[in-house]
C-alpha cells in the first residue's frame, strides 16, 4: 500500500479577505460557446457545464450553441453545411 508523503511540513496559510457574490460582471462583451460534436457523442458534457457556470456571471451576454454533425454521406454533409451557415448568420447579427 502506498504511503502518503506531504509536500510541505506544515499547512500553507493564506491571509487576506475573500468575498463571493451571487452576481458579478467579468466581461462586457458577448461570449459564444460553440460545441461542435460528432452525432455519436452524447449532447452536453463539459461545454454545457461551462455554460451553466458562466451563465450566472454573464447572463444574456452568453450564448451557447451545440451542433451535431455526421459526415458519413453527402446528404448529411450538406445538412451540416446548411446548419452551420444558419448559425453563422444568426451570430453575425
Protein backbone atom coordinates (compact mmCIF):
# COMPACT_ATOMS: atom_id res chain seq x y z
CA UNK A 1 0.00 0.00 0.00
CA UNK A 2 1.28 3.48 -0.92
CA UNK A 3 2.35 5.83 1.83
CA UNK A 4 1.17 9.45 1.86
CA UNK A 5 4.06 11.92 1.94
CA UNK A 6 3.11 15.58 2.48
CA UNK A 7 4.63 18.16 0.13
CA UNK A 8 5.00 20.74 2.91
CA UNK A 9 5.94 20.16 6.53
CA UNK A 10 3.02 22.36 7.66
CA UNK A 11 -0.23 23.64 6.06
CA UNK A 12 0.02 26.69 3.82
CA UNK A 13 -1.90 29.63 5.31
CA UNK A 14 -3.46 32.28 3.05
CA UNK A 15 -4.14 35.67 4.61
CA UNK A 16 -6.49 38.24 3.14
CA UNK A 17 -10.15 38.88 2.52
CA UNK A 18 -12.32 36.70 0.36
CA UNK A 19 -15.74 37.63 -0.97
CA UNK A 20 -18.21 35.70 -3.03
CA UNK A 21 -21.08 37.45 -4.79
CA UNK A 22 -24.19 35.98 -6.31
CA UNK A 23 -23.69 38.04 -9.49
CA UNK A 24 -20.51 39.56 -10.87
CA UNK A 25 -19.60 41.25 -14.11
CA UNK A 26 -16.42 39.83 -15.56
CA UNK A 27 -16.86 40.64 -19.25
CA UNK A 28 -18.54 43.49 -21.09
CA UNK A 29 -18.59 41.79 -24.49
CA UNK A 30 -20.80 38.92 -25.54
CA UNK A 31 -19.37 35.41 -25.39
CA UNK A 32 -20.33 32.45 -27.58
CA UNK A 33 -19.67 28.86 -26.58
CA UNK A 34 -19.84 26.71 -29.71
CA UNK A 35 -19.79 22.96 -29.13
CA UNK A 36 -19.35 21.02 -32.37
CA UNK A 37 -19.71 17.32 -31.68
CA UNK A 38 -20.00 14.12 -33.67
CA UNK A 39 -23.52 12.70 -33.68
CA UNK A 40 -22.32 9.57 -31.88
CA UNK A 41 -21.34 11.61 -28.80
CA UNK A 42 -24.00 12.43 -26.21
CA UNK A 43 -25.12 16.09 -26.02
CA UNK A 44 -23.96 18.27 -23.15
CA UNK A 45 -20.70 17.35 -21.48
CA UNK A 46 -18.06 19.84 -20.34
CA UNK A 47 -19.16 22.69 -22.68
CA UNK A 48 -22.70 22.57 -21.23
CA UNK A 49 -21.28 22.61 -17.69
CA UNK A 50 -19.12 25.63 -18.55
CA UNK A 51 -22.21 27.32 -19.99
CA UNK A 52 -24.20 26.72 -16.80
CA UNK A 53 -21.38 28.08 -14.66
CA UNK A 54 -20.75 31.21 -16.75
CA UNK A 55 -24.48 31.97 -17.14
CA UNK A 56 -24.64 33.37 -13.60
CA UNK A 57 -21.85 35.84 -14.42
CA UNK A 58 -22.70 36.82 -17.99
CA UNK A 59 -26.48 36.45 -18.19
CA UNK A 60 -27.82 37.39 -21.60
CA UNK A 61 -24.32 38.17 -22.90
CA UNK A 62 -23.61 34.41 -23.04
CA UNK A 63 -24.77 32.32 -25.97
CA UNK A 64 -24.40 28.51 -26.09
CA UNK A 65 -24.80 26.54 -29.32
CA UNK A 66 -24.30 22.86 -29.89
CA UNK A 67 -24.00 21.47 -33.41
CA UNK A 68 -24.10 17.75 -34.06
CA UNK A 69 -22.52 16.51 -37.26
CA UNK A 70 -22.38 13.27 -39.19
CA UNK A 71 -20.33 13.40 -42.38
CA UNK A 72 -20.94 9.79 -43.38
CA UNK A 73 -22.84 10.75 -46.55
CA UNK A 74 -23.02 13.68 -48.96
CA UNK A 75 -26.59 14.47 -47.85
CA UNK A 76 -25.59 14.65 -44.19
CA UNK A 77 -22.59 16.77 -45.11
CA UNK A 78 -24.90 19.22 -46.94
CA UNK A 79 -27.27 19.24 -43.94
CA UNK A 80 -24.38 20.11 -41.66
CA UNK A 81 -23.26 22.90 -44.00
CA UNK A 82 -26.77 24.42 -44.01
CA UNK A 83 -26.99 24.31 -40.20
CA UNK A 84 -23.52 25.83 -39.80
CA UNK A 85 -24.32 28.63 -42.26
CA UNK A 86 -27.61 29.40 -40.47
CA UNK A 87 -25.81 29.63 -37.15
CA UNK A 88 -23.10 31.86 -38.66
CA UNK A 89 -25.80 34.20 -39.99
CA UNK A 90 -27.53 34.25 -36.60
CA UNK A 91 -24.30 35.03 -34.73
CA UNK A 92 -23.35 37.77 -37.21
CA UNK A 93 -26.46 39.77 -36.26
